[in-house]
Amino acid sequence: MSNEEISVKTTLRLPSRLLTAVRHRAIDEGLTLQAIVEQALEAYLKTPIRLKGKGR
């Protein structure tokens, strides 16, 4: 995230097993949960949009 960007706070509902796993991963990698979520969302937004066609 650029230093010029404004951060906002939000609430997410996640399965407890997912949150536990990502917290452990963050500790293992020396990152914050915020940093991991930010990286994951940035990576997701770089992927092409998959349009759902009719009949699929």
PDB file of N, CA and C in Angstrom:
ATOM      1  N   MET A   1       0.839  -1.178   0.000  1.00  0.00           N
ATOM      2  CA  MET A   1       0.000   0.000   0.000  1.00  0.00           C
ATOM      3  C   MET A   1       0.881   1.237   0.000  1.00  0.00           C
ATOM      4  N   SER A   2       0.543   2.182  -0.814  1.00  0.00           N
ATOM      5  CA  SER A   2       1.289   3.424  -0.899  1.00  0.00           C
ATOM      6  C   SER A   2       1.105   4.233   0.388  1.00  0.00           C
ATOM      7  N   ASN A   3       2.137   4.958   0.776  1.00  0.00           N
ATOM      8  CA  ASN A   3       2.036   5.795   1.971  1.00  0.00           C
ATOM      9  C   ASN A   3       1.004   6.893   1.806  1.00  0.00           C
ATOM     10  N   GLU A   4       0.655   7.233   0.565  1.00  0.00           N
ATOM     11  CA  GLU A   4      -0.299   8.301   0.294  1.00  0.00           C
ATOM     12  C   GLU A   4      -1.744   7.832   0.406  1.00  0.00           C
ATOM     13  N   GLU A   5      -1.973   6.533   0.425  1.00  0.00           N
ATOM     14  CA  GLU A   5      -3.327   6.008   0.493  1.00  0.00           C
ATOM     15  C   GLU A   5      -3.872   6.087   1.909  1.00  0.00           C
ATOM     16  N   ILE A   6      -5.170   6.294   1.997  1.00  0.00           N
ATOM     17  CA  ILE A   6      -5.842   6.317   3.289  1.00  0.00           C
ATOM     18  C   ILE A   6      -6.342   4.911   3.589  1.00  0.00           C
ATOM     19  N   SER A   7      -6.096   4.439   4.780  1.00  0.00           N
ATOM     20  CA  SER A   7      -6.585   3.130   5.195  1.00  0.00           C
ATOM     21  C   SER A   7      -7.957   3.283   5.822  1.00  0.00           C
ATOM     22  N   VAL A   8      -8.790   2.272   5.623  1.00  0.00           N
ATOM     23  CA  VAL A   8     -10.103   2.250   6.252  1.00  0.00           C
ATOM     24  C   VAL A   8     -10.241   0.941   7.021  1.00  0.00           C
ATOM     25  N   LYS A   9     -11.081   0.956   8.006  1.00  0.00           N
ATOM     26  CA  LYS A   9     -11.301  -0.225   8.829  1.00  0.00           C
ATOM     27  C   LYS A   9     -12.582  -0.905   8.376  1.00  0.00           C
ATOM     28  N   THR A  10     -12.568  -2.239   8.347  1.00  0.00           N
ATOM     29  CA  THR A  10     -13.744  -3.000   7.959  1.00  0.00           C
ATOM     30  C   THR A  10     -13.836  -4.255   8.816  1.00  0.00           C
ATOM     31  N   THR A  11     -14.978  -4.885   8.783  1.00  0.00           N
ATOM     32  CA  THR A  11     -15.192  -6.126   9.523  1.00  0.00           C
ATOM     33  C   THR A  11     -15.513  -7.225   8.528  1.00  0.00           C
ATOM     34  N   LEU A  12     -14.886  -8.365   8.715  1.00  0.00           N
ATOM     35  CA  LEU A  12     -15.138  -9.529   7.868  1.00  0.00           C
ATOM     36  C   LEU A  12     -15.565 -10.697   8.734  1.00  0.00           C
ATOM     37  N   ARG A  13     -16.440 -11.519   8.206  1.00  0.00           N
ATOM     38  CA  ARG A  13     -16.808 -12.770   8.869  1.00  0.00           C
ATOM     39  C   ARG A  13     -16.134 -13.890   8.095  1.00  0.00           C
ATOM     40  N   LEU A  14     -15.233 -14.594   8.778  1.00  0.00           N
ATOM     41  CA  LEU A  14     -14.471 -15.678   8.161  1.00  0.00           C
ATOM     42  C   LEU A  14     -14.653 -16.946   8.980  1.00  0.00           C
ATOM     43  N   PRO A  15     -14.547 -18.098   8.316  1.00  0.00           N
ATOM     44  CA  PRO A  15     -14.565 -19.346   9.084  1.00  0.00           C
ATOM     45  C   PRO A  15     -13.393 -19.341  10.079  1.00  0.00           C
ATOM     46  N   SER A  16     -13.645 -19.804  11.292  1.00  0.00           N
ATOM     47  CA  SER A  16     -12.613 -19.750  12.331  1.00  0.00           C
ATOM     48  C   SER A  16     -11.361 -20.517  11.936  1.00  0.00           C
ATOM     49  N   ARG A  17     -11.520 -21.649  11.214  1.00  0.00           N
ATOM     50  CA  ARG A  17     -10.347 -22.423  10.794  1.00  0.00           C
ATOM     51  C   ARG A  17      -9.478 -21.607   9.839  1.00  0.00           C
ATOM     52  N   LEU A  18     -10.098 -20.797   8.978  1.00  0.00           N
ATOM     53  CA  LEU A  18      -9.347 -19.968   8.030  1.00  0.00           C
ATOM     54  C   LEU A  18      -8.597 -18.862   8.767  1.00  0.00           C
ATOM     55  N   LEU A  19      -9.269 -18.208   9.689  1.00  0.00           N
ATOM     56  CA  LEU A  19      -8.622 -17.139  10.447  1.00  0.00           C
ATOM     57  C   LEU A  19      -7.469 -17.676  11.286  1.00  0.00           C
ATOM     58  N   THR A  20      -7.663 -18.821  11.910  1.00  0.00           N
ATOM     59  CA  THR A  20      -6.598 -19.430  12.705  1.00  0.00           C
ATOM     60  C   THR A  20      -5.394 -19.763  11.830  1.00  0.00           C
ATOM     61  N   ALA A  21      -5.658 -20.349  10.671  1.00  0.00           N
ATOM     62  CA  ALA A  21      -4.566 -20.726   9.760  1.00  0.00           C
ATOM     63  C   ALA A  21      -3.803 -19.499   9.279  1.00  0.00           C
ATOM     64  N   VAL A  22      -4.511 -18.458   8.921  1.00  0.00           N
ATOM     65  CA  VAL A  22      -3.829 -17.265   8.400  1.00  0.00           C
ATOM     66  C   VAL A  22      -3.074 -16.540   9.518  1.00  0.00           C
ATOM     67  N   ARG A  23      -3.582 -16.570  10.723  1.00  0.00           N
ATOM     68  CA  ARG A  23      -2.849 -15.972  11.848  1.00  0.00           C
ATOM     69  C   ARG A  23      -1.529 -16.713  12.084  1.00  0.00           C
ATOM     70  N   HIS A  24      -1.579 -18.038  12.066  1.00  0.00           N
ATOM     71  CA  HIS A  24      -0.349 -18.828  12.246  1.00  0.00           C
ATOM     72  C   HIS A  24       0.633 -18.558  11.108  1.00  0.00           C
ATOM     73  N   ARG A  25       0.118 -18.474   9.895  1.00  0.00           N
ATOM     74  CA  ARG A  25       0.983 -18.189   8.737  1.00  0.00           C
ATOM     75  C   ARG A  25       1.625 -16.820   8.869  1.00  0.00           C
ATOM     76  N   ALA A  26       0.853 -15.845   9.326  1.00  0.00           N
ATOM     77  CA  ALA A  26       1.382 -14.493   9.515  1.00  0.00           C
ATOM     78  C   ALA A  26       2.532 -14.503  10.522  1.00  0.00           C
ATOM     79  N   ILE A  27       2.341 -15.212  11.609  1.00  0.00           N
ATOM     80  CA  ILE A  27       3.405 -15.311  12.623  1.00  0.00           C
ATOM     81  C   ILE A  27       4.636 -15.973  12.022  1.00  0.00           C
ATOM     82  N   ASP A  28       4.426 -17.079  11.296  1.00  0.00           N
ATOM     83  CA  ASP A  28       5.550 -17.802  10.684  1.00  0.00           C
ATOM     84  C   ASP A  28       6.328 -16.924   9.711  1.00  0.00           C
ATOM     85  N   GLU A  29       5.618 -16.053   8.998  1.00  0.00           N
ATOM     86  CA  GLU A  29       6.266 -15.213   7.991  1.00  0.00           C
ATOM     87  C   GLU A  29       6.674 -13.846   8.526  1.00  0.00           C
ATOM     88  N   GLY A  30       6.370 -13.575   9.777  1.00  0.00           N
ATOM     89  CA  GLY A  30       6.736 -12.285  10.365  1.00  0.00           C
ATOM     90  C   GLY A  30       5.939 -11.132   9.776  1.00  0.00           C
ATOM     91  N   LEU A  31       4.691 -11.421   9.393  1.00  0.00           N
ATOM     92  CA  LEU A  31       3.826 -10.406   8.802  1.00  0.00           C
ATOM     93  C   LEU A  31       2.612 -10.168   9.693  1.00  0.00           C
ATOM     94  N   THR A  32       1.937  -9.077   9.445  1.00  0.00           N
ATOM     95  CA  THR A  32       0.688  -8.823  10.153  1.00  0.00           C
ATOM     96  C   THR A  32      -0.459  -9.436   9.356  1.00  0.00           C
ATOM     97  N   LEU A  33      -1.548  -9.691  10.042  1.00  0.00           N
ATOM     98  CA  LEU A  33      -2.751 -10.179   9.377  1.00  0.00           C
ATOM     99  C   LEU A  33      -3.190  -9.159   8.326  1.00  0.00           C
ATOM    100  N   GLN A  34      -3.089  -7.908   8.643  1.00  0.00           N
ATOM    101  CA  GLN A  34      -3.448  -6.840   7.705  1.00  0.00           C
ATOM    102  C   GLN A  34      -2.609  -6.936   6.435  1.00  0.00           C
ATOM    103  N   ALA A  35      -1.322  -7.165   6.564  1.00  0.00           N
ATOM    104  CA  ALA A  35      -0.437  -7.254   5.400  1.00  0.00           C
ATOM    105  C   ALA A  35      -0.805  -8.454   4.523  1.00  0.00           C
ATOM    106  N   ILE A  36      -1.130  -9.577   5.152  1.00  0.00           N
ATOM    107  CA  ILE A  36      -1.491 -10.764   4.374  1.00  0.00           C
ATOM    108  C   ILE A  36      -2.801 -10.543   3.629  1.00  0.00           C
ATOM    109  N   VAL A  37      -3.787  -9.974   4.294  1.00  0.00           N
ATOM    110  CA  VAL A  37      -5.073  -9.711   3.634  1.00  0.00           C
ATOM    111  C   VAL A  37      -4.874  -8.724   2.481  1.00  0.00           C
ATOM    112  N   GLU A  38      -4.091  -7.704   2.707  1.00  0.00           N
ATOM    113  CA  GLU A  38      -3.816  -6.722   1.655  1.00  0.00           C
ATOM    114  C   GLU A  38      -3.137  -7.383   0.447  1.00  0.00           C
ATOM    115  N   GLN A  39      -2.131  -8.222   0.701  1.00  0.00           N
ATOM    116  CA  GLN A  39      -1.436  -8.917  -0.388  1.00  0.00           C
ATOM    117  C   GLN A  39      -2.384  -9.846  -1.140  1.00  0.00           C
ATOM    118  N   ALA A  40      -3.220 -10.553  -0.400  1.00  0.00           N
ATOM    119  CA  ALA A  40      -4.160 -11.490  -1.024  1.00  0.00           C
ATOM    120  C   ALA A  40      -5.168 -10.749  -1.902  1.00  0.00           C
ATOM    121  N   LEU A  41      -5.680  -9.636  -1.429  1.00  0.00           N
ATOM    122  CA  LEU A  41      -6.647  -8.864  -2.216  1.00  0.00           C
ATOM    123  C   LEU A  41      -5.992  -8.247  -3.453  1.00  0.00           C
ATOM    124  N   GLU A  42      -4.777  -7.749  -3.301  1.00  0.00           N
ATOM    125  CA  GLU A  42      -4.054  -7.192  -4.459  1.00  0.00           C
ATOM    126  C   GLU A  42      -3.828  -8.278  -5.507  1.00  0.00           C
ATOM    127  N   ALA A  43      -3.438  -9.472  -5.083  1.00  0.00           N
ATOM    128  CA  ALA A  43      -3.220 -10.585  -6.019  1.00  0.00           C
ATOM    129  C   ALA A  43      -4.528 -10.972  -6.698  1.00  0.00           C
ATOM    130  N   TYR A  44      -5.598 -11.018  -5.939  1.00  0.00           N
ATOM    131  CA  TYR A  44      -6.913 -11.361  -6.490  1.00  0.00           C
ATOM    132  C   TYR A  44      -7.332 -10.349  -7.557  1.00  0.00           C
ATOM    133  N   LEU A  45      -7.121  -9.087  -7.298  1.00  0.00           N
ATOM    134  CA  LEU A  45      -7.532  -8.047  -8.243  1.00  0.00           C
ATOM    135  C   LEU A  45      -6.695  -8.042  -9.527  1.00  0.00           C
ATOM    136  N   LYS A  46      -5.533  -8.665  -9.501  1.00  0.00           N
ATOM    137  CA  LYS A  46      -4.695  -8.761 -10.699  1.00  0.00           C
ATOM    138  C   LYS A  46      -5.126  -9.893 -11.625  1.00  0.00           C
ATOM    139  N   THR A  47      -5.989 -10.777 -11.148  1.00  0.00           N
ATOM    140  CA  THR A  47      -6.441 -11.892 -11.981  1.00  0.00           C
ATOM    141  C   THR A  47      -7.562 -11.427 -12.897  1.00  0.00           C
ATOM    142  N   PRO A  48      -7.678 -12.055 -14.068  1.00  0.00           N
ATOM    143  CA  PRO A  48      -8.746 -11.668 -14.986  1.00  0.00           C
ATOM    144  C   PRO A  48     -10.119 -11.963 -14.395  1.00  0.00           C
ATOM    145  N   ILE A  49     -11.079 -11.156 -14.766  1.00  0.00           N
ATOM    146  CA  ILE A  49     -12.459 -11.373 -14.334  1.00  0.00           C
ATOM    147  C   ILE A  49     -13.011 -12.573 -15.081  1.00  0.00           C
ATOM    148  N   ARG A  50     -13.620 -13.496 -14.341  1.00  0.00           N
ATOM    149  CA  ARG A  50     -14.244 -14.664 -14.960  1.00  0.00           C
ATOM    150  C   ARG A  50     -15.731 -14.404 -15.060  1.00  0.00           C
ATOM    151  N   LEU A  51     -16.181 -14.162 -16.260  1.00  0.00           N
ATOM    152  CA  LEU A  51     -17.610 -13.911 -16.474  1.00  0.00           C
ATOM    153  C   LEU A  51     -18.373 -15.212 -16.482  1.00  0.00           C
ATOM    154  N   LYS A  52     -19.494 -15.236 -15.812  1.00  0.00           N
ATOM    155  CA  LYS A  52     -20.329 -16.430 -15.792  1.00  0.00           C
ATOM    156  C   LYS A  52     -21.325 -16.312 -16.938  1.00  0.00           C
ATOM    157  N   GLY A  53     -21.199 -17.241 -17.887  1.00  0.00           N
ATOM    158  CA  GLY A  53     -22.103 -17.247 -19.036  1.00  0.00           C
ATOM    159  C   GLY A  53     -23.366 -18.000 -18.727  1.00  0.00           C
ATOM    160  N   LYS A  54     -24.368 -17.797 -19.530  1.00  0.00           N
ATOM    161  CA  LYS A  54     -25.625 -18.529 -19.358  1.00  0.00           C
ATOM    162  C   LYS A  54     -25.423 -19.987 -19.669  1.00  0.00           C
ATOM    163  N   GLY A  55     -26.087 -20.846 -18.906  1.00  0.00           N
ATOM    164  CA  GLY A  55     -26.026 -22.276 -19.160  1.00  0.00           C
ATOM    165  C   GLY A  55     -24.801 -22.961 -18.602  1.00  0.00           C
ATOM    166  N   ARG A  56     -24.004 -22.260 -17.808  1.00  0.00           N
ATOM    167  CA  ARG A  56     -22.808 -22.871 -17.218  1.00  0.00           C
ATOM    168  C   ARG A  56     -23.088 -23.316 -15.811  1.00  0.00           C
TER     169      ARG A  56
END
